N, C-alpha and C. Protein backbone atom coordinates (compact mmCIF):
# COMPACT_ATOMS: atom_id res chain seq x y z
N MET A 1 11.89 26.74 1.92
CA MET A 1 10.94 26.81 3.01
C MET A 1 11.58 26.24 4.27
N PRO A 2 11.47 26.98 5.39
CA PRO A 2 12.08 26.47 6.63
C PRO A 2 11.47 25.12 7.01
N THR A 3 12.32 24.21 7.43
CA THR A 3 11.85 22.88 7.80
C THR A 3 11.60 22.75 9.29
N ARG A 4 12.15 23.64 10.09
CA ARG A 4 11.94 23.59 11.53
C ARG A 4 10.87 24.59 11.93
N PRO A 5 9.99 24.22 12.87
CA PRO A 5 8.98 25.19 13.32
C PRO A 5 9.63 26.32 14.13
N TYR A 6 9.10 27.52 13.96
CA TYR A 6 9.65 28.66 14.67
C TYR A 6 8.57 29.69 14.97
N VAL A 7 8.88 30.56 15.91
CA VAL A 7 8.04 31.71 16.21
C VAL A 7 8.92 32.95 16.08
N ILE A 8 8.26 34.09 16.00
CA ILE A 8 8.99 35.35 15.87
C ILE A 8 8.67 36.22 17.06
N ASP A 9 9.69 36.59 17.81
CA ASP A 9 9.55 37.49 18.95
C ASP A 9 9.89 38.91 18.49
N ARG A 10 8.99 39.84 18.76
CA ARG A 10 9.19 41.22 18.33
C ARG A 10 10.39 41.83 19.06
N MET A 11 11.29 42.47 18.28
CA MET A 11 12.48 43.13 18.84
C MET A 11 12.39 44.66 18.72
N ILE A 12 12.04 45.13 17.51
CA ILE A 12 11.99 46.57 17.24
C ILE A 12 10.66 46.87 16.56
N SER A 13 9.85 47.72 17.17
CA SER A 13 8.51 48.01 16.66
C SER A 13 8.56 48.86 15.39
N ALA A 14 7.47 48.82 14.65
CA ALA A 14 7.34 49.63 13.45
C ALA A 14 7.46 51.12 13.78
N LYS A 15 6.89 51.55 14.89
CA LYS A 15 6.97 52.96 15.30
C LYS A 15 8.41 53.37 15.59
N THR A 16 9.14 52.52 16.27
CA THR A 16 10.54 52.81 16.60
C THR A 16 11.38 52.89 15.32
N ILE A 17 11.12 51.99 14.38
CA ILE A 17 11.84 52.01 13.10
C ILE A 17 11.53 53.31 12.37
N ALA A 18 10.26 53.68 12.27
CA ALA A 18 9.87 54.90 11.55
C ALA A 18 10.55 56.13 12.14
N ALA A 19 10.59 56.23 13.46
CA ALA A 19 11.23 57.38 14.11
C ALA A 19 12.73 57.41 13.80
N ARG A 20 13.37 56.25 13.80
CA ARG A 20 14.81 56.19 13.52
C ARG A 20 15.10 56.53 12.07
N VAL A 21 14.25 56.09 11.15
CA VAL A 21 14.42 56.41 9.73
C VAL A 21 14.35 57.92 9.53
N GLU A 22 13.42 58.59 10.20
CA GLU A 22 13.33 60.05 10.11
C GLU A 22 14.62 60.71 10.59
N ASP A 23 15.15 60.25 11.72
CA ASP A 23 16.40 60.80 12.25
C ASP A 23 17.56 60.59 11.27
N LEU A 24 17.65 59.39 10.74
CA LEU A 24 18.72 59.08 9.79
C LEU A 24 18.61 59.95 8.54
N ALA A 25 17.40 60.16 8.05
CA ALA A 25 17.19 60.99 6.86
C ALA A 25 17.68 62.41 7.10
N ARG A 26 17.42 62.95 8.29
CA ARG A 26 17.91 64.30 8.60
C ARG A 26 19.43 64.35 8.58
N GLU A 27 20.07 63.34 9.14
CA GLU A 27 21.53 63.30 9.15
C GLU A 27 22.09 63.18 7.73
N ILE A 28 21.46 62.37 6.91
CA ILE A 28 21.90 62.19 5.53
C ILE A 28 21.71 63.47 4.73
N GLN A 29 20.60 64.14 4.93
CA GLN A 29 20.37 65.42 4.24
C GLN A 29 21.46 66.42 4.58
N THR A 30 21.86 66.48 5.82
CA THR A 30 22.93 67.38 6.23
C THR A 30 24.24 66.99 5.55
N ALA A 31 24.55 65.71 5.54
CA ALA A 31 25.80 65.23 4.95
C ALA A 31 25.86 65.47 3.44
N PHE A 32 24.73 65.38 2.77
CA PHE A 32 24.70 65.52 1.32
C PHE A 32 24.07 66.85 0.87
N ALA A 33 23.98 67.82 1.76
CA ALA A 33 23.43 69.13 1.39
C ALA A 33 24.23 69.68 0.22
N GLY A 34 23.53 70.21 -0.76
CA GLY A 34 24.19 70.79 -1.92
C GLY A 34 24.45 69.82 -3.06
N THR A 35 24.18 68.54 -2.87
CA THR A 35 24.39 67.60 -3.97
C THR A 35 23.37 67.87 -5.07
N ASP A 36 23.78 67.67 -6.31
CA ASP A 36 22.82 67.86 -7.41
C ASP A 36 21.93 66.65 -7.58
N LYS A 37 22.42 65.47 -7.17
CA LYS A 37 21.59 64.27 -7.18
C LYS A 37 22.31 63.18 -6.40
N LEU A 38 21.64 62.67 -5.40
CA LEU A 38 22.17 61.57 -4.60
C LEU A 38 21.69 60.26 -5.22
N ILE A 39 22.64 59.37 -5.51
CA ILE A 39 22.26 58.05 -6.00
C ILE A 39 22.20 57.12 -4.79
N VAL A 40 21.01 56.66 -4.50
CA VAL A 40 20.79 55.75 -3.38
C VAL A 40 20.75 54.34 -3.95
N VAL A 41 21.71 53.52 -3.52
CA VAL A 41 21.85 52.15 -4.04
C VAL A 41 21.37 51.18 -2.97
N GLY A 42 20.26 50.53 -3.24
CA GLY A 42 19.73 49.54 -2.32
C GLY A 42 20.31 48.17 -2.62
N LEU A 43 20.74 47.49 -1.56
CA LEU A 43 21.22 46.12 -1.72
C LEU A 43 20.03 45.19 -1.56
N LEU A 44 19.69 44.55 -2.66
CA LEU A 44 18.54 43.67 -2.67
C LEU A 44 18.89 42.33 -2.05
N ARG A 45 17.94 41.68 -1.48
CA ARG A 45 16.55 42.05 -1.43
C ARG A 45 16.18 42.69 -0.10
N GLY A 46 16.94 42.45 0.91
CA GLY A 46 16.56 42.82 2.27
C GLY A 46 16.36 44.29 2.54
N SER A 47 16.94 45.16 1.72
CA SER A 47 16.86 46.60 2.01
C SER A 47 15.66 47.30 1.37
N PHE A 48 14.82 46.60 0.62
CA PHE A 48 13.82 47.29 -0.20
C PHE A 48 12.81 48.09 0.62
N VAL A 49 12.40 47.61 1.78
CA VAL A 49 11.46 48.37 2.61
C VAL A 49 12.17 49.57 3.22
N PHE A 50 13.36 49.36 3.75
CA PHE A 50 14.16 50.43 4.35
C PHE A 50 14.46 51.53 3.34
N ILE A 51 14.88 51.16 2.14
CA ILE A 51 15.22 52.17 1.14
C ILE A 51 13.97 52.97 0.74
N ALA A 52 12.83 52.31 0.62
CA ALA A 52 11.60 53.01 0.25
C ALA A 52 11.24 54.04 1.31
N ASP A 53 11.29 53.65 2.57
CA ASP A 53 10.96 54.58 3.65
C ASP A 53 12.00 55.70 3.75
N LEU A 54 13.26 55.35 3.59
CA LEU A 54 14.33 56.35 3.71
C LEU A 54 14.25 57.42 2.62
N VAL A 55 14.11 57.02 1.37
CA VAL A 55 14.10 58.02 0.29
C VAL A 55 12.86 58.92 0.37
N ARG A 56 11.76 58.41 0.90
CA ARG A 56 10.58 59.26 1.05
C ARG A 56 10.79 60.33 2.11
N GLU A 57 11.73 60.11 3.02
CA GLU A 57 12.03 61.10 4.07
C GLU A 57 13.10 62.10 3.64
N LEU A 58 13.79 61.84 2.53
CA LEU A 58 14.87 62.71 2.08
C LEU A 58 14.33 63.88 1.26
N ASP A 59 14.70 65.08 1.65
CA ASP A 59 14.34 66.28 0.89
C ASP A 59 15.56 66.68 0.06
N LEU A 60 15.94 65.80 -0.85
CA LEU A 60 17.08 65.97 -1.74
C LEU A 60 16.70 65.42 -3.11
N PRO A 61 17.36 65.88 -4.17
CA PRO A 61 17.18 65.19 -5.46
C PRO A 61 17.81 63.80 -5.35
N VAL A 62 17.01 62.77 -5.63
CA VAL A 62 17.44 61.40 -5.40
C VAL A 62 17.19 60.54 -6.63
N GLU A 63 18.16 59.71 -6.95
CA GLU A 63 18.00 58.66 -7.94
C GLU A 63 18.16 57.34 -7.18
N VAL A 64 17.38 56.34 -7.53
CA VAL A 64 17.46 55.05 -6.84
C VAL A 64 17.91 53.98 -7.84
N ASP A 65 18.85 53.18 -7.41
CA ASP A 65 19.31 52.05 -8.21
C ASP A 65 19.47 50.87 -7.25
N PHE A 66 19.61 49.69 -7.81
CA PHE A 66 19.72 48.50 -6.98
C PHE A 66 20.86 47.62 -7.42
N LEU A 67 21.43 46.93 -6.46
CA LEU A 67 22.47 45.95 -6.69
C LEU A 67 22.06 44.75 -5.84
N GLU A 68 22.14 43.57 -6.41
CA GLU A 68 21.80 42.39 -5.61
C GLU A 68 23.07 41.57 -5.39
N ALA A 69 23.38 41.41 -4.12
CA ALA A 69 24.54 40.62 -3.71
C ALA A 69 24.03 39.54 -2.78
N SER A 70 24.65 38.38 -2.82
CA SER A 70 24.20 37.29 -1.97
C SER A 70 25.38 36.59 -1.32
N SER A 71 25.25 36.34 -0.02
CA SER A 71 26.21 35.48 0.68
C SER A 71 25.48 34.50 1.60
N TYR A 72 24.15 34.52 1.55
CA TYR A 72 23.36 33.66 2.44
C TYR A 72 22.58 32.58 1.70
N GLY A 73 21.97 32.91 0.57
CA GLY A 73 21.04 31.98 -0.06
C GLY A 73 19.86 31.79 0.88
N ASN A 74 19.48 30.56 1.15
CA ASN A 74 18.39 30.28 2.09
C ASN A 74 18.92 29.84 3.45
N ASN A 75 20.18 30.11 3.72
CA ASN A 75 20.79 29.66 4.96
C ASN A 75 20.76 30.76 6.02
N MET A 76 20.98 30.35 7.26
CA MET A 76 21.03 31.29 8.38
C MET A 76 22.44 31.80 8.62
N GLU A 77 23.42 31.23 7.98
CA GLU A 77 24.81 31.62 8.15
C GLU A 77 25.36 32.10 6.81
N SER A 78 26.20 33.12 6.85
CA SER A 78 26.85 33.62 5.64
C SER A 78 27.81 32.58 5.10
N SER A 79 27.85 32.44 3.77
CA SER A 79 28.81 31.54 3.14
C SER A 79 30.17 32.21 3.04
N ARG A 80 30.22 33.53 3.26
CA ARG A 80 31.42 34.36 3.16
C ARG A 80 31.88 34.51 1.71
N GLU A 81 31.14 33.95 0.80
CA GLU A 81 31.42 34.12 -0.63
C GLU A 81 30.33 35.03 -1.18
N VAL A 82 30.71 36.22 -1.58
CA VAL A 82 29.74 37.21 -2.05
C VAL A 82 29.63 37.13 -3.57
N ARG A 83 28.40 36.99 -4.03
CA ARG A 83 28.15 36.96 -5.47
C ARG A 83 27.27 38.14 -5.84
N ILE A 84 27.59 38.81 -6.93
CA ILE A 84 26.75 39.90 -7.45
C ILE A 84 25.76 39.25 -8.42
N LEU A 85 24.48 39.32 -8.06
CA LEU A 85 23.43 38.70 -8.87
C LEU A 85 22.78 39.70 -9.82
N LYS A 86 22.80 40.99 -9.44
CA LYS A 86 22.26 42.06 -10.28
C LYS A 86 23.10 43.30 -10.05
N ASP A 87 23.61 43.86 -11.13
CA ASP A 87 24.46 45.04 -11.02
C ASP A 87 23.64 46.31 -11.24
N LEU A 88 24.27 47.44 -10.95
CA LEU A 88 23.62 48.74 -11.15
C LEU A 88 23.29 48.94 -12.62
N ARG A 89 22.23 49.71 -12.88
CA ARG A 89 21.88 50.05 -14.27
C ARG A 89 22.57 51.32 -14.69
N GLY A 90 22.80 52.24 -13.73
CA GLY A 90 23.37 53.54 -14.06
C GLY A 90 24.83 53.67 -13.69
N GLU A 91 25.42 54.76 -14.18
CA GLU A 91 26.81 55.09 -13.88
C GLU A 91 26.88 55.87 -12.57
N ILE A 92 27.96 55.66 -11.80
CA ILE A 92 28.12 56.40 -10.55
C ILE A 92 29.39 57.25 -10.53
N ALA A 93 30.17 57.21 -11.58
CA ALA A 93 31.42 57.98 -11.63
C ALA A 93 31.13 59.46 -11.40
N GLY A 94 31.86 60.06 -10.46
CA GLY A 94 31.71 61.47 -10.17
C GLY A 94 30.44 61.84 -9.42
N ARG A 95 29.70 60.87 -8.98
CA ARG A 95 28.41 61.12 -8.33
C ARG A 95 28.48 60.82 -6.83
N ASP A 96 27.52 61.36 -6.08
CA ASP A 96 27.38 61.07 -4.65
C ASP A 96 26.53 59.81 -4.50
N VAL A 97 27.05 58.83 -3.77
CA VAL A 97 26.40 57.52 -3.66
C VAL A 97 26.20 57.16 -2.19
N LEU A 98 25.00 56.69 -1.89
CA LEU A 98 24.67 56.16 -0.57
C LEU A 98 24.23 54.71 -0.74
N VAL A 99 24.99 53.78 -0.18
CA VAL A 99 24.65 52.36 -0.24
C VAL A 99 23.78 52.03 0.97
N VAL A 100 22.63 51.42 0.71
CA VAL A 100 21.67 51.07 1.76
C VAL A 100 21.64 49.56 1.94
N GLU A 101 22.03 49.13 3.14
CA GLU A 101 22.10 47.71 3.48
C GLU A 101 21.08 47.41 4.57
N ASP A 102 20.51 46.22 4.57
CA ASP A 102 19.56 45.86 5.62
C ASP A 102 20.28 45.55 6.92
N ILE A 103 21.32 44.71 6.84
CA ILE A 103 22.00 44.28 8.06
C ILE A 103 23.47 44.01 7.77
N VAL A 104 24.33 44.51 8.64
CA VAL A 104 25.76 44.20 8.55
C VAL A 104 26.05 43.16 9.62
N ASP A 105 26.45 42.00 9.15
CA ASP A 105 26.68 40.85 10.03
C ASP A 105 28.19 40.59 10.03
N THR A 106 28.67 39.67 9.21
CA THR A 106 30.10 39.39 9.16
C THR A 106 30.87 40.54 8.52
N GLY A 107 30.19 41.30 7.67
CA GLY A 107 30.83 42.42 6.97
C GLY A 107 31.27 42.08 5.56
N PHE A 108 31.21 40.81 5.18
CA PHE A 108 31.69 40.40 3.87
C PHE A 108 30.93 41.08 2.73
N THR A 109 29.61 41.10 2.80
CA THR A 109 28.82 41.67 1.71
C THR A 109 29.08 43.16 1.57
N LEU A 110 28.95 43.92 2.64
CA LEU A 110 29.16 45.36 2.56
C LEU A 110 30.58 45.68 2.10
N ASN A 111 31.57 44.98 2.61
CA ASN A 111 32.96 45.21 2.21
C ASN A 111 33.13 44.96 0.71
N HIS A 112 32.58 43.86 0.22
CA HIS A 112 32.68 43.52 -1.20
C HIS A 112 32.02 44.60 -2.07
N VAL A 113 30.82 45.01 -1.68
CA VAL A 113 30.08 46.01 -2.47
C VAL A 113 30.80 47.36 -2.45
N VAL A 114 31.26 47.80 -1.29
CA VAL A 114 31.97 49.08 -1.19
C VAL A 114 33.23 49.05 -2.07
N ASN A 115 34.00 47.98 -1.98
CA ASN A 115 35.21 47.89 -2.80
C ASN A 115 34.89 47.88 -4.29
N LEU A 116 33.84 47.18 -4.67
CA LEU A 116 33.41 47.16 -6.07
C LEU A 116 33.02 48.55 -6.55
N LEU A 117 32.19 49.24 -5.76
CA LEU A 117 31.71 50.56 -6.18
C LEU A 117 32.81 51.61 -6.17
N LYS A 118 33.79 51.49 -5.30
CA LYS A 118 34.92 52.43 -5.30
C LYS A 118 35.69 52.38 -6.61
N THR A 119 35.73 51.22 -7.25
CA THR A 119 36.44 51.09 -8.53
C THR A 119 35.73 51.87 -9.64
N ARG A 120 34.50 52.29 -9.39
CA ARG A 120 33.72 53.03 -10.39
C ARG A 120 33.79 54.53 -10.17
N ASN A 121 34.66 54.95 -9.28
CA ASN A 121 35.01 56.36 -9.05
C ASN A 121 33.85 57.29 -8.71
N PRO A 122 33.07 56.96 -7.69
CA PRO A 122 32.05 57.91 -7.25
C PRO A 122 32.73 59.14 -6.62
N ARG A 123 32.04 60.27 -6.63
CA ARG A 123 32.58 61.46 -5.96
C ARG A 123 32.67 61.21 -4.47
N THR A 124 31.56 60.72 -3.89
CA THR A 124 31.55 60.29 -2.49
C THR A 124 30.81 58.97 -2.43
N LEU A 125 31.17 58.16 -1.43
CA LEU A 125 30.52 56.87 -1.23
C LEU A 125 30.33 56.69 0.27
N LYS A 126 29.08 56.68 0.69
CA LYS A 126 28.73 56.50 2.10
C LYS A 126 27.82 55.28 2.20
N THR A 127 27.72 54.76 3.42
CA THR A 127 26.91 53.57 3.64
C THR A 127 25.98 53.76 4.83
N ILE A 128 24.84 53.09 4.75
CA ILE A 128 23.89 53.08 5.86
C ILE A 128 23.35 51.67 5.99
N ALA A 129 23.20 51.22 7.22
CA ALA A 129 22.62 49.90 7.49
C ALA A 129 21.51 50.06 8.52
N LEU A 130 20.40 49.42 8.28
CA LEU A 130 19.31 49.44 9.25
C LEU A 130 19.77 48.77 10.54
N LEU A 131 20.40 47.60 10.42
CA LEU A 131 20.81 46.83 11.59
C LEU A 131 22.30 46.53 11.53
N ASP A 132 22.92 46.47 12.69
CA ASP A 132 24.33 46.15 12.79
C ASP A 132 24.52 45.13 13.90
N LYS A 133 25.27 44.06 13.58
CA LYS A 133 25.62 43.02 14.57
C LYS A 133 27.14 43.02 14.73
N PRO A 134 27.68 43.96 15.49
CA PRO A 134 29.14 44.05 15.59
C PRO A 134 29.79 42.80 16.20
N SER A 135 29.06 42.04 16.99
CA SER A 135 29.64 40.84 17.61
C SER A 135 29.95 39.76 16.58
N ARG A 136 29.37 39.86 15.39
CA ARG A 136 29.57 38.86 14.34
C ARG A 136 30.62 39.28 13.31
N ARG A 137 31.16 40.49 13.43
CA ARG A 137 32.03 41.04 12.40
C ARG A 137 33.30 40.23 12.23
N GLU A 138 33.59 39.91 10.96
CA GLU A 138 34.82 39.23 10.60
C GLU A 138 35.70 40.11 9.71
N ILE A 139 35.10 41.13 9.14
CA ILE A 139 35.80 42.10 8.28
C ILE A 139 35.68 43.45 8.98
N ASP A 140 36.76 44.22 8.99
CA ASP A 140 36.75 45.51 9.67
C ASP A 140 36.05 46.56 8.80
N ILE A 141 34.73 46.60 8.93
CA ILE A 141 33.93 47.59 8.20
C ILE A 141 32.75 47.97 9.07
N ARG A 142 32.39 49.23 8.99
CA ARG A 142 31.24 49.75 9.74
C ARG A 142 30.53 50.74 8.83
N ALA A 143 29.22 50.67 8.81
CA ALA A 143 28.44 51.62 8.00
C ALA A 143 28.58 53.02 8.58
N ASP A 144 28.48 54.02 7.72
CA ASP A 144 28.57 55.42 8.17
C ASP A 144 27.39 55.78 9.06
N TRP A 145 26.21 55.22 8.76
CA TRP A 145 25.03 55.41 9.60
C TRP A 145 24.46 54.05 9.93
N ILE A 146 24.01 53.90 11.16
CA ILE A 146 23.41 52.64 11.61
C ILE A 146 22.08 52.95 12.29
N GLY A 147 21.06 52.20 11.89
CA GLY A 147 19.76 52.36 12.51
C GLY A 147 19.75 51.82 13.93
N PHE A 148 20.08 50.55 14.06
CA PHE A 148 20.05 49.88 15.36
C PHE A 148 21.17 48.87 15.46
N GLU A 149 21.83 48.85 16.60
CA GLU A 149 22.79 47.79 16.89
C GLU A 149 22.02 46.70 17.61
N ILE A 150 22.19 45.46 17.14
CA ILE A 150 21.44 44.35 17.73
C ILE A 150 22.40 43.23 18.15
N PRO A 151 21.95 42.37 19.08
CA PRO A 151 22.77 41.23 19.46
C PRO A 151 22.78 40.17 18.35
N ASP A 152 23.54 39.14 18.55
CA ASP A 152 23.67 38.07 17.57
C ASP A 152 22.42 37.19 17.59
N GLU A 153 21.39 37.68 16.93
CA GLU A 153 20.12 36.95 16.78
C GLU A 153 19.78 36.89 15.30
N PHE A 154 19.09 35.84 14.88
CA PHE A 154 18.62 35.77 13.51
C PHE A 154 17.30 36.51 13.45
N VAL A 155 17.23 37.57 12.62
CA VAL A 155 16.07 38.45 12.60
C VAL A 155 15.36 38.43 11.25
N VAL A 156 14.09 38.82 11.29
CA VAL A 156 13.26 38.91 10.09
C VAL A 156 12.38 40.15 10.20
N GLY A 157 11.73 40.47 9.09
CA GLY A 157 10.78 41.58 9.06
C GLY A 157 11.37 42.83 8.45
N TYR A 158 10.49 43.77 8.09
CA TYR A 158 10.88 45.05 7.51
C TYR A 158 11.81 44.82 6.31
N GLY A 159 11.48 43.80 5.51
CA GLY A 159 12.24 43.48 4.30
C GLY A 159 13.21 42.32 4.45
N ILE A 160 13.55 41.99 5.68
CA ILE A 160 14.52 40.92 5.93
C ILE A 160 13.79 39.59 6.04
N ASP A 161 14.35 38.55 5.40
CA ASP A 161 13.64 37.28 5.30
C ASP A 161 14.35 36.13 6.00
N PHE A 162 13.63 35.06 6.13
CA PHE A 162 14.17 33.75 6.47
C PHE A 162 13.61 32.81 5.40
N ALA A 163 14.48 32.36 4.49
CA ALA A 163 14.07 31.50 3.38
C ALA A 163 12.91 32.11 2.60
N GLN A 164 13.02 33.40 2.33
CA GLN A 164 12.05 34.18 1.54
C GLN A 164 10.71 34.38 2.24
N ARG A 165 10.66 34.23 3.54
CA ARG A 165 9.43 34.47 4.30
C ARG A 165 9.64 35.61 5.29
N ASN A 166 8.56 36.22 5.69
CA ASN A 166 8.50 37.23 6.76
C ASN A 166 9.03 38.61 6.37
N ARG A 167 9.33 38.85 5.10
CA ARG A 167 9.76 40.19 4.67
C ARG A 167 8.67 41.23 4.92
N ASN A 168 7.44 40.81 4.90
CA ASN A 168 6.30 41.73 4.98
C ASN A 168 5.96 42.18 6.41
N LEU A 169 6.64 41.67 7.41
CA LEU A 169 6.36 42.12 8.77
C LEU A 169 6.76 43.58 8.92
N PRO A 170 5.95 44.42 9.57
CA PRO A 170 6.27 45.84 9.70
C PRO A 170 7.28 46.13 10.81
N TYR A 171 7.73 45.13 11.51
CA TYR A 171 8.66 45.27 12.63
C TYR A 171 9.84 44.32 12.41
N ILE A 172 10.87 44.45 13.26
CA ILE A 172 11.98 43.50 13.27
C ILE A 172 11.72 42.49 14.38
N GLY A 173 11.78 41.22 14.02
CA GLY A 173 11.56 40.17 15.00
C GLY A 173 12.69 39.17 15.02
N LYS A 174 12.86 38.53 16.13
CA LYS A 174 13.88 37.50 16.33
C LYS A 174 13.25 36.15 16.08
N VAL A 175 13.91 35.31 15.28
CA VAL A 175 13.44 33.96 15.00
C VAL A 175 13.86 33.06 16.16
N ARG A 176 12.86 32.36 16.70
CA ARG A 176 13.12 31.41 17.78
C ARG A 176 12.52 30.06 17.37
N PHE A 177 13.37 29.04 17.30
CA PHE A 177 12.91 27.71 16.91
C PHE A 177 12.22 27.05 18.08
N THR A 178 11.12 26.32 17.79
CA THR A 178 10.30 25.73 18.83
C THR A 178 10.48 24.24 18.98
N ASP A 179 11.36 23.65 18.20
CA ASP A 179 11.55 22.20 18.34
C ASP A 179 12.79 21.87 19.12
């Protein structure tokens, strides 16, 4: 539980997010046209709202699986040590895979996950991130699709949390401490 008092300033509205998810889904459908089944891999926990909205917009045969990786814990800064807490249930060898991330910050988590999944020989492996903070990047990686590029702010909402709070907000908000 956060020990410092804070408020949340709205950054990206629910309407703006919904419109961008529709656009991204169209682009993904084009990229994966003709696939027999797209395996959409959500990185838990922050991507669960984004992945739910995204797959509902896809007019493709889709399988959903999840992988949980952590480099934050309850902290506001990445530890840069990525741990896999939950692995995929299904096989991805020879399959088309789309990794769904909530936010690319330092790049450590996405880089680790991409390298791990490449060892499992998918036919194709693409990535999408709802949010991107390029100013924070420490690893040279960029998602194939990005919802929104944002400044170096600590954000919550639309599945993204601060110490397991605020995931349920329908918008993206910036955390501002009041003390």
